[in-house]
Amino acid sequence: MQQLTVRGFDQALINRIRRLANQDGISLNQAVLKLLRRGAGIGAPQGGRSVVGTSLDHLIGTWTRDEAEAMDRALADLAEIDESMWQ
């Protein structure tokens, strides 16, 4: 693997990289590579691990807050467990 030094990360970008690394349980380096590949419009390298995949990446961040909250409300009933079904 080749190395490349990148300078000039602003705080917002650093925060996004750290958040992705924490969410996905990956290193900062892996998070940066993931974001670079996503930004370049290319998927995970052959043989690379892609836990979820990238086929839905174009949908990420497209909902408004109201749409997301409406979906959460619509799905709330699905989180409830009917105890009588598990007796």
PDB file of N, CA and C in Angstrom:
ATOM      1  N   MET A   1       0.837  -1.190   0.000  1.00  0.00           N
ATOM      2  CA  MET A   1       0.000   0.000   0.000  1.00  0.00           C
ATOM      3  C   MET A   1       0.875   1.243   0.000  1.00  0.00           C
ATOM      4  N   GLN A   2       0.464   2.202  -0.763  1.00  0.00           N
ATOM      5  CA  GLN A   2       1.193   3.464  -0.807  1.00  0.00           C
ATOM      6  C   GLN A   2       0.704   4.389   0.292  1.00  0.00           C
ATOM      7  N   GLN A   3       1.549   5.340   0.645  1.00  0.00           N
ATOM      8  CA  GLN A   3       1.194   6.338   1.648  1.00  0.00           C
ATOM      9  C   GLN A   3       1.083   7.692   0.987  1.00  0.00           C
ATOM     10  N   LEU A   4       0.217   8.512   1.558  1.00  0.00           N
ATOM     11  CA  LEU A   4       0.007   9.860   1.067  1.00  0.00           C
ATOM     12  C   LEU A   4      -0.230  10.746   2.278  1.00  0.00           C
ATOM     13  N   THR A   5       0.454  11.857   2.345  1.00  0.00           N
ATOM     14  CA  THR A   5       0.264  12.799   3.446  1.00  0.00           C
ATOM     15  C   THR A   5      -0.696  13.885   2.998  1.00  0.00           C
ATOM     16  N   VAL A   6      -1.711  14.115   3.807  1.00  0.00           N
ATOM     17  CA  VAL A   6      -2.700  15.150   3.512  1.00  0.00           C
ATOM     18  C   VAL A   6      -2.701  16.125   4.673  1.00  0.00           C
ATOM     19  N   ARG A   7      -2.617  17.410   4.366  1.00  0.00           N
ATOM     20  CA  ARG A   7      -2.596  18.441   5.406  1.00  0.00           C
ATOM     21  C   ARG A   7      -3.816  19.337   5.249  1.00  0.00           C
ATOM     22  N   GLY A   8      -4.084  20.118   6.281  1.00  0.00           N
ATOM     23  CA  GLY A   8      -5.120  21.139   6.191  1.00  0.00           C
ATOM     24  C   GLY A   8      -6.509  20.683   6.600  1.00  0.00           C
ATOM     25  N   PHE A   9      -6.604  19.688   7.472  1.00  0.00           N
ATOM     26  CA  PHE A   9      -7.898  19.238   7.961  1.00  0.00           C
ATOM     27  C   PHE A   9      -8.499  20.299   8.879  1.00  0.00           C
ATOM     28  N   ASP A  10      -9.708  20.772   8.561  1.00  0.00           N
ATOM     29  CA  ASP A  10     -10.360  21.711   9.475  1.00  0.00           C
ATOM     30  C   ASP A  10     -11.097  20.917  10.559  1.00  0.00           C
ATOM     31  N   GLN A  11     -11.554  21.605  11.579  1.00  0.00           N
ATOM     32  CA  GLN A  11     -12.142  20.927  12.731  1.00  0.00           C
ATOM     33  C   GLN A  11     -13.412  20.162  12.359  1.00  0.00           C
ATOM     34  N   ALA A  12     -14.224  20.710  11.463  1.00  0.00           N
ATOM     35  CA  ALA A  12     -15.452  20.020  11.055  1.00  0.00           C
ATOM     36  C   ALA A  12     -15.128  18.681  10.393  1.00  0.00           C
ATOM     37  N   LEU A  13     -14.099  18.656   9.557  1.00  0.00           N
ATOM     38  CA  LEU A  13     -13.709  17.420   8.888  1.00  0.00           C
ATOM     39  C   LEU A  13     -13.122  16.425   9.885  1.00  0.00           C
ATOM     40  N   ILE A  14     -12.310  16.907  10.793  1.00  0.00           N
ATOM     41  CA  ILE A  14     -11.751  16.036  11.834  1.00  0.00           C
ATOM     42  C   ILE A  14     -12.876  15.408  12.646  1.00  0.00           C
ATOM     43  N   ASN A  15     -13.867  16.220  13.012  1.00  0.00           N
ATOM     44  CA  ASN A  15     -15.000  15.704  13.788  1.00  0.00           C
ATOM     45  C   ASN A  15     -15.760  14.636  13.015  1.00  0.00           C
ATOM     46  N   ARG A  16     -15.954  14.859  11.709  1.00  0.00           N
ATOM     47  CA  ARG A  16     -16.680  13.886  10.883  1.00  0.00           C
ATOM     48  C   ARG A  16     -15.900  12.584  10.767  1.00  0.00           C
ATOM     49  N   ILE A  17     -14.609  12.676  10.607  1.00  0.00           N
ATOM     50  CA  ILE A  17     -13.766  11.477  10.516  1.00  0.00           C
ATOM     51  C   ILE A  17     -13.827  10.696  11.821  1.00  0.00           C
ATOM     52  N   ARG A  18     -13.697  11.387  12.931  1.00  0.00           N
ATOM     53  CA  ARG A  18     -13.757  10.715  14.241  1.00  0.00           C
ATOM     54  C   ARG A  18     -15.121  10.061  14.467  1.00  0.00           C
ATOM     55  N   ARG A  19     -16.185  10.762  14.080  1.00  0.00           N
ATOM     56  CA  ARG A  19     -17.535  10.221  14.262  1.00  0.00           C
ATOM     57  C   ARG A  19     -17.716   8.947  13.433  1.00  0.00           C
ATOM     58  N   LEU A  20     -17.270   8.966  12.189  1.00  0.00           N
ATOM     59  CA  LEU A  20     -17.374   7.781  11.342  1.00  0.00           C
ATOM     60  C   LEU A  20     -16.563   6.626  11.926  1.00  0.00           C
ATOM     61  N   ALA A  21     -15.352   6.918  12.379  1.00  0.00           N
ATOM     62  CA  ALA A  21     -14.503   5.879  12.964  1.00  0.00           C
ATOM     63  C   ALA A  21     -15.178   5.257  14.181  1.00  0.00           C
ATOM     64  N   ASN A  22     -15.760   6.093  15.033  1.00  0.00           N
ATOM     65  CA  ASN A  22     -16.442   5.579  16.224  1.00  0.00           C
ATOM     66  C   ASN A  22     -17.681   4.779  15.855  1.00  0.00           C
ATOM     67  N   GLN A  23     -18.473   5.287  14.924  1.00  0.00           N
ATOM     68  CA  GLN A  23     -19.706   4.602  14.521  1.00  0.00           C
ATOM     69  C   GLN A  23     -19.425   3.237  13.910  1.00  0.00           C
ATOM     70  N   ASP A  24     -18.410   3.170  13.067  1.00  0.00           N
ATOM     71  CA  ASP A  24     -18.114   1.933  12.346  1.00  0.00           C
ATOM     72  C   ASP A  24     -17.100   1.044  13.060  1.00  0.00           C
ATOM     73  N   GLY A  25     -16.538   1.539  14.173  1.00  0.00           N
ATOM     74  CA  GLY A  25     -15.541   0.753  14.894  1.00  0.00           C
ATOM     75  C   GLY A  25     -14.284   0.525  14.073  1.00  0.00           C
ATOM     76  N   ILE A  26     -13.859   1.555  13.353  1.00  0.00           N
ATOM     77  CA  ILE A  26     -12.677   1.448  12.499  1.00  0.00           C
ATOM     78  C   ILE A  26     -11.655   2.505  12.902  1.00  0.00           C
ATOM     79  N   SER A  27     -10.453   2.381  12.385  1.00  0.00           N
ATOM     80  CA  SER A  27      -9.400   3.348  12.697  1.00  0.00           C
ATOM     81  C   SER A  27      -9.665   4.668  11.977  1.00  0.00           C
ATOM     82  N   LEU A  28      -8.986   5.719  12.431  1.00  0.00           N
ATOM     83  CA  LEU A  28      -9.102   7.011  11.755  1.00  0.00           C
ATOM     84  C   LEU A  28      -8.642   6.896  10.306  1.00  0.00           C
ATOM     85  N   ASN A  29      -7.568   6.153  10.072  1.00  0.00           N
ATOM     86  CA  ASN A  29      -7.065   5.966   8.710  1.00  0.00           C
ATOM     87  C   ASN A  29      -8.122   5.302   7.826  1.00  0.00           C
ATOM     88  N   GLN A  30      -8.757   4.255   8.347  1.00  0.00           N
ATOM     89  CA  GLN A  30      -9.794   3.574   7.572  1.00  0.00           C
ATOM     90  C   GLN A  30     -10.976   4.501   7.305  1.00  0.00           C
ATOM     91  N   ALA A  31     -11.316   5.334   8.288  1.00  0.00           N
ATOM     92  CA  ALA A  31     -12.422   6.281   8.112  1.00  0.00           C
ATOM     93  C   ALA A  31     -12.095   7.291   7.019  1.00  0.00           C
ATOM     94  N   VAL A  32     -10.863   7.797   7.027  1.00  0.00           N
ATOM     95  CA  VAL A  32     -10.446   8.748   5.990  1.00  0.00           C
ATOM     96  C   VAL A  32     -10.515   8.088   4.616  1.00  0.00           C
ATOM     97  N   LEU A  33     -10.001   6.874   4.501  1.00  0.00           N
ATOM     98  CA  LEU A  33     -10.041   6.167   3.217  1.00  0.00           C
ATOM     99  C   LEU A  33     -11.480   5.940   2.761  1.00  0.00           C
ATOM    100  N   LYS A  34     -12.345   5.582   3.691  1.00  0.00           N
ATOM    101  CA  LYS A  34     -13.751   5.351   3.360  1.00  0.00           C
ATOM    102  C   LYS A  34     -14.402   6.626   2.824  1.00  0.00           C
ATOM    103  N   LEU A  35     -14.146   7.751   3.500  1.00  0.00           N
ATOM    104  CA  LEU A  35     -14.711   9.023   3.059  1.00  0.00           C
ATOM    105  C   LEU A  35     -14.128   9.462   1.718  1.00  0.00           C
ATOM    106  N   LEU A  36     -12.833   9.247   1.522  1.00  0.00           N
ATOM    107  CA  LEU A  36     -12.212   9.596   0.242  1.00  0.00           C
ATOM    108  C   LEU A  36     -12.808   8.782  -0.902  1.00  0.00           C
ATOM    109  N   ARG A  37     -12.961   7.484  -0.681  1.00  0.00           N
ATOM    110  CA  ARG A  37     -13.521   6.621  -1.721  1.00  0.00           C
ATOM    111  C   ARG A  37     -14.965   7.012  -2.016  1.00  0.00           C
ATOM    112  N   ARG A  38     -15.727   7.315  -0.973  1.00  0.00           N
ATOM    113  CA  ARG A  38     -17.116   7.736  -1.157  1.00  0.00           C
ATOM    114  C   ARG A  38     -17.164   9.043  -1.948  1.00  0.00           C
ATOM    115  N   GLY A  39     -16.326   9.982  -1.572  1.00  0.00           N
ATOM    116  CA  GLY A  39     -16.290  11.263  -2.267  1.00  0.00           C
ATOM    117  C   GLY A  39     -15.854  11.137  -3.714  1.00  0.00           C
ATOM    118  N   ALA A  40     -15.004  10.161  -3.985  1.00  0.00           N
ATOM    119  CA  ALA A  40     -14.524   9.939  -5.349  1.00  0.00           C
ATOM    120  C   ALA A  40     -15.505   9.105  -6.173  1.00  0.00           C
ATOM    121  N   GLY A  41     -16.553   8.620  -5.506  1.00  0.00           N
ATOM    122  CA  GLY A  41     -17.562   7.839  -6.215  1.00  0.00           C
ATOM    123  C   GLY A  41     -17.147   6.422  -6.531  1.00  0.00           C
ATOM    124  N   ILE A  42     -16.234   5.876  -5.722  1.00  0.00           N
ATOM    125  CA  ILE A  42     -15.810   4.490  -5.929  1.00  0.00           C
ATOM    126  C   ILE A  42     -16.070   3.700  -4.660  1.00  0.00           C
ATOM    127  N   GLY A  43     -16.358   2.438  -4.822  1.00  0.00           N
ATOM    128  CA  GLY A  43     -16.680   1.585  -3.688  1.00  0.00           C
ATOM    129  C   GLY A  43     -15.444   1.039  -3.011  1.00  0.00           C
ATOM    130  N   ALA A  44     -15.688   0.077  -2.139  1.00  0.00           N
ATOM    131  CA  ALA A  44     -14.591  -0.568  -1.420  1.00  0.00           C
ATOM    132  C   ALA A  44     -13.712  -1.317  -2.413  1.00  0.00           C
ATOM    133  N   PRO A  45     -12.404  -1.384  -2.152  1.00  0.00           N
ATOM    134  CA  PRO A  45     -11.510  -2.113  -3.058  1.00  0.00           C
ATOM    135  C   PRO A  45     -11.854  -3.598  -3.084  1.00  0.00           C
ATOM    136  N   GLN A  46     -11.529  -4.267  -4.186  1.00  0.00           N
ATOM    137  CA  GLN A  46     -11.769  -5.701  -4.290  1.00  0.00           C
ATOM    138  C   GLN A  46     -11.103  -6.405  -3.125  1.00  0.00           C
ATOM    139  N   GLY A  47     -11.857  -7.269  -2.472  1.00  0.00           N
ATOM    140  CA  GLY A  47     -11.317  -7.987  -1.331  1.00  0.00           C
ATOM    141  C   GLY A  47     -11.373  -7.176  -0.053  1.00  0.00           C
ATOM    142  N   GLY A  48     -11.733  -5.905  -0.165  1.00  0.00           N
ATOM    143  CA  GLY A  48     -11.866  -5.065   1.022  1.00  0.00           C
ATOM    144  C   GLY A  48     -13.162  -5.379   1.731  1.00  0.00           C
ATOM    145  N   ARG A  49     -13.214  -5.040   2.998  1.00  0.00           N
ATOM    146  CA  ARG A  49     -14.436  -5.352   3.718  1.00  0.00           C
ATOM    147  C   ARG A  49     -15.380  -4.159   3.638  1.00  0.00           C
ATOM    148  N   SER A  50     -16.572  -4.453   3.227  1.00  0.00           N
ATOM    149  CA  SER A  50     -17.621  -3.449   3.163  1.00  0.00           C
ATOM    150  C   SER A  50     -18.801  -4.028   3.916  1.00  0.00           C
ATOM    151  N   VAL A  51     -18.929  -3.667   5.172  1.00  0.00           N
ATOM    152  CA  VAL A  51     -19.911  -4.280   6.046  1.00  0.00           C
ATOM    153  C   VAL A  51     -21.316  -4.075   5.500  1.00  0.00           C
ATOM    154  N   VAL A  52     -21.634  -2.883   5.091  1.00  0.00           N
ATOM    155  CA  VAL A  52     -22.974  -2.572   4.627  1.00  0.00           C
ATOM    156  C   VAL A  52     -23.024  -2.443   3.119  1.00  0.00           C
ATOM    157  N   GLY A  53     -22.010  -1.926   2.525  1.00  0.00           N
ATOM    158  CA  GLY A  53     -21.992  -1.686   1.098  1.00  0.00           C
ATOM    159  C   GLY A  53     -22.206  -0.211   0.811  1.00  0.00           C
ATOM    160  N   THR A  54     -22.161   0.141  -0.441  1.00  0.00           N
ATOM    161  CA  THR A  54     -22.265   1.551  -0.810  1.00  0.00           C
ATOM    162  C   THR A  54     -23.433   1.833  -1.743  1.00  0.00           C
ATOM    163  N   SER A  55     -24.269   0.829  -2.018  1.00  0.00           N
ATOM    164  CA  SER A  55     -25.329   1.007  -3.011  1.00  0.00           C
ATOM    165  C   SER A  55     -26.373   2.040  -2.611  1.00  0.00           C
ATOM    166  N   LEU A  56     -26.491   2.343  -1.332  1.00  0.00           N
ATOM    167  CA  LEU A  56     -27.481   3.322  -0.879  1.00  0.00           C
ATOM    168  C   LEU A  56     -26.849   4.633  -0.435  1.00  0.00           C
ATOM    169  N   ASP A  57     -25.563   4.798  -0.669  1.00  0.00           N
ATOM    170  CA  ASP A  57     -24.866   6.011  -0.221  1.00  0.00           C
ATOM    171  C   ASP A  57     -25.486   7.290  -0.772  1.00  0.00           C
ATOM    172  N   HIS A  58     -26.028   7.219  -1.984  1.00  0.00           N
ATOM    173  CA  HIS A  58     -26.615   8.425  -2.578  1.00  0.00           C
ATOM    174  C   HIS A  58     -27.852   8.905  -1.822  1.00  0.00           C
ATOM    175  N   LEU A  59     -28.405   8.062  -0.947  1.00  0.00           N
ATOM    176  CA  LEU A  59     -29.582   8.446  -0.164  1.00  0.00           C
ATOM    177  C   LEU A  59     -29.222   9.047   1.190  1.00  0.00           C
ATOM    178  N   ILE A  60     -27.993   8.878   1.617  1.00  0.00           N
ATOM    179  CA  ILE A  60     -27.584   9.349   2.936  1.00  0.00           C
ATOM    180  C   ILE A  60     -27.685  10.863   2.999  1.00  0.00           C
ATOM    181  N   GLY A  61     -28.365  11.323   4.028  1.00  0.00           N
ATOM    182  CA  GLY A  61     -28.479  12.758   4.252  1.00  0.00           C
ATOM    183  C   GLY A  61     -29.509  13.455   3.382  1.00  0.00           C
ATOM    184  N   THR A  62     -30.401  12.700   2.724  1.00  0.00           N
ATOM    185  CA  THR A  62     -31.361  13.336   1.829  1.00  0.00           C
ATOM    186  C   THR A  62     -32.682  13.674   2.502  1.00  0.00           C
ATOM    187  N   TRP A  63     -32.965  13.073   3.663  1.00  0.00           N
ATOM    188  CA  TRP A  63     -34.211  13.380   4.361  1.00  0.00           C
ATOM    189  C   TRP A  63     -34.068  14.677   5.132  1.00  0.00           C
ATOM    190  N   THR A  64     -35.175  15.384   5.239  1.00  0.00           N
ATOM    191  CA  THR A  64     -35.207  16.544   6.126  1.00  0.00           C
ATOM    192  C   THR A  64     -35.390  16.027   7.543  1.00  0.00           C
ATOM    193  N   ARG A  65     -35.183  16.886   8.509  1.00  0.00           N
ATOM    194  CA  ARG A  65     -35.384  16.491   9.909  1.00  0.00           C
ATOM    195  C   ARG A  65     -36.835  16.035  10.119  1.00  0.00           C
ATOM    196  N   ASP A  66     -37.792  16.746   9.523  1.00  0.00           N
ATOM    197  CA  ASP A  66     -39.208  16.382   9.662  1.00  0.00           C
ATOM    198  C   ASP A  66     -39.485  14.997   9.079  1.00  0.00           C
ATOM    199  N   GLU A  67     -38.892  14.698   7.923  1.00  0.00           N
ATOM    200  CA  GLU A  67     -39.086  13.383   7.313  1.00  0.00           C
ATOM    201  C   GLU A  67     -38.491  12.280   8.185  1.00  0.00           C
ATOM    202  N   ALA A  68     -37.325  12.530   8.740  1.00  0.00           N
ATOM    203  CA  ALA A  68     -36.678  11.537   9.601  1.00  0.00           C
ATOM    204  C   ALA A  68     -37.503  11.304  10.861  1.00  0.00           C
ATOM    205  N   GLU A  69     -38.015  12.377  11.452  1.00  0.00           N
ATOM    206  CA  GLU A  69     -38.838  12.238  12.657  1.00  0.00           C
ATOM    207  C   GLU A  69     -40.145  11.515  12.344  1.00  0.00           C
ATOM    208  N   ALA A  70     -40.728  11.783  11.182  1.00  0.00           N
ATOM    209  CA  ALA A  70     -41.952  11.085  10.779  1.00  0.00           C
ATOM    210  C   ALA A  70     -41.689   9.589  10.623  1.00  0.00           C
ATOM    211  N   MET A  71     -40.550   9.233  10.046  1.00  0.00           N
ATOM    212  CA  MET A  71     -40.198   7.823   9.899  1.00  0.00           C
ATOM    213  C   MET A  71     -39.988   7.182  11.264  1.00  0.00           C
ATOM    214  N   ASP A  72     -39.308   7.873  12.170  1.00  0.00           N
ATOM    215  CA  ASP A  72     -39.106   7.347  13.520  1.00  0.00           C
ATOM    216  C   ASP A  72     -40.443   7.087  14.205  1.00  0.00           C
ATOM    217  N   ARG A  73     -41.383   8.023  14.052  1.00  0.00           N
ATOM    218  CA  ARG A  73     -42.711   7.840  14.662  1.00  0.00           C
ATOM    219  C   ARG A  73     -43.432   6.647  14.032  1.00  0.00           C
ATOM    220  N   ALA A  74     -43.327   6.519  12.721  1.00  0.00           N
ATOM    221  CA  ALA A  74     -43.998   5.430  12.015  1.00  0.00           C
ATOM    222  C   ALA A  74     -43.439   4.065  12.419  1.00  0.00           C
ATOM    223  N   LEU A  75     -42.158   4.019  12.737  1.00  0.00           N
ATOM    224  CA  LEU A  75     -41.517   2.751  13.095  1.00  0.00           C
ATOM    225  C   LEU A  75     -41.540   2.461  14.588  1.00  0.00           C
ATOM    226  N   ALA A  76     -41.982   3.412  15.398  1.00  0.00           N
ATOM    227  CA  ALA A  76     -41.938   3.257  16.855  1.00  0.00           C
ATOM    228  C   ALA A  76     -42.696   2.017  17.315  1.00  0.00           C
ATOM    229  N   ASP A  77     -43.852   1.726  16.711  1.00  0.00           N
ATOM    230  CA  ASP A  77     -44.635   0.556  17.117  1.00  0.00           C
ATOM    231  C   ASP A  77     -43.877  -0.746  16.883  1.00  0.00           C
ATOM    232  N   LEU A  78     -42.998  -0.757  15.915  1.00  0.00           N
ATOM    233  CA  LEU A  78     -42.239  -1.972  15.615  1.00  0.00           C
ATOM    234  C   LEU A  78     -41.214  -2.295  16.696  1.00  0.00           C
ATOM    235  N   ALA A  79     -40.888  -1.320  17.522  1.00  0.00           N
ATOM    236  CA  ALA A  79     -39.912  -1.538  18.586  1.00  0.00           C
ATOM    237  C   ALA A  79     -40.553  -2.150  19.827  1.00  0.00           C
ATOM    238  N   GLU A  80     -41.891  -2.148  19.873  1.00  0.00           N
ATOM    239  CA  GLU A  80     -42.585  -2.705  21.035  1.00  0.00           C
ATOM    240  C   GLU A  80     -42.676  -4.219  20.909  1.00  0.00           C
ATOM    241  N   ILE A  81     -42.514  -4.888  22.025  1.00  0.00           N
ATOM    242  CA  ILE A  81     -42.560  -6.350  22.059  1.00  0.00           C
ATOM    243  C   ILE A  81     -43.885  -6.773  22.668  1.00  0.00           C
ATOM    244  N   ASP A  82     -44.611  -7.620  21.961  1.00  0.00           N
ATOM    245  CA  ASP A  82     -45.859  -8.174  22.478  1.00  0.00           C
ATOM    246  C   ASP A  82     -45.487  -9.398  23.305  1.00  0.00           C
ATOM    247  N   GLU A  83     -45.468  -9.217  24.613  1.00  0.00           N
ATOM    248  CA  GLU A  83     -45.024 -10.286  25.518  1.00  0.00           C
ATOM    249  C   GLU A  83     -45.861 -11.554  25.359  1.00  0.00           C
ATOM    250  N   SER A  84     -47.155 -11.414  25.006  1.00  0.00           N
ATOM    251  CA  SER A  84     -48.012 -12.598  24.882  1.00  0.00           C
ATOM    252  C   SER A  84     -47.557 -13.515  23.747  1.00  0.00           C
ATOM    253  N   MET A  85     -46.861 -12.956  22.777  1.00  0.00           N
ATOM    254  CA  MET A  85     -46.379 -13.777  21.671  1.00  0.00           C
ATOM    255  C   MET A  85     -45.147 -14.588  22.054  1.00  0.00           C
ATOM    256  N   TRP A  86     -44.534 -14.281  23.180  1.00  0.00           N
ATOM    257  CA  TRP A  86     -43.291 -14.925  23.579  1.00  0.00           C
ATOM    258  C   TRP A  86     -43.458 -15.761  24.838  1.00  0.00           C
ATOM    259  N   GLN A  87     -44.660 -16.243  25.074  1.00  0.00           N
ATOM    260  CA  GLN A  87     -44.925 -17.080  26.255  1.00  0.00           C
ATOM    261  C   GLN A  87     -44.654 -18.526  25.955  1.00  0.00           C
TER     262      GLN A  87
END
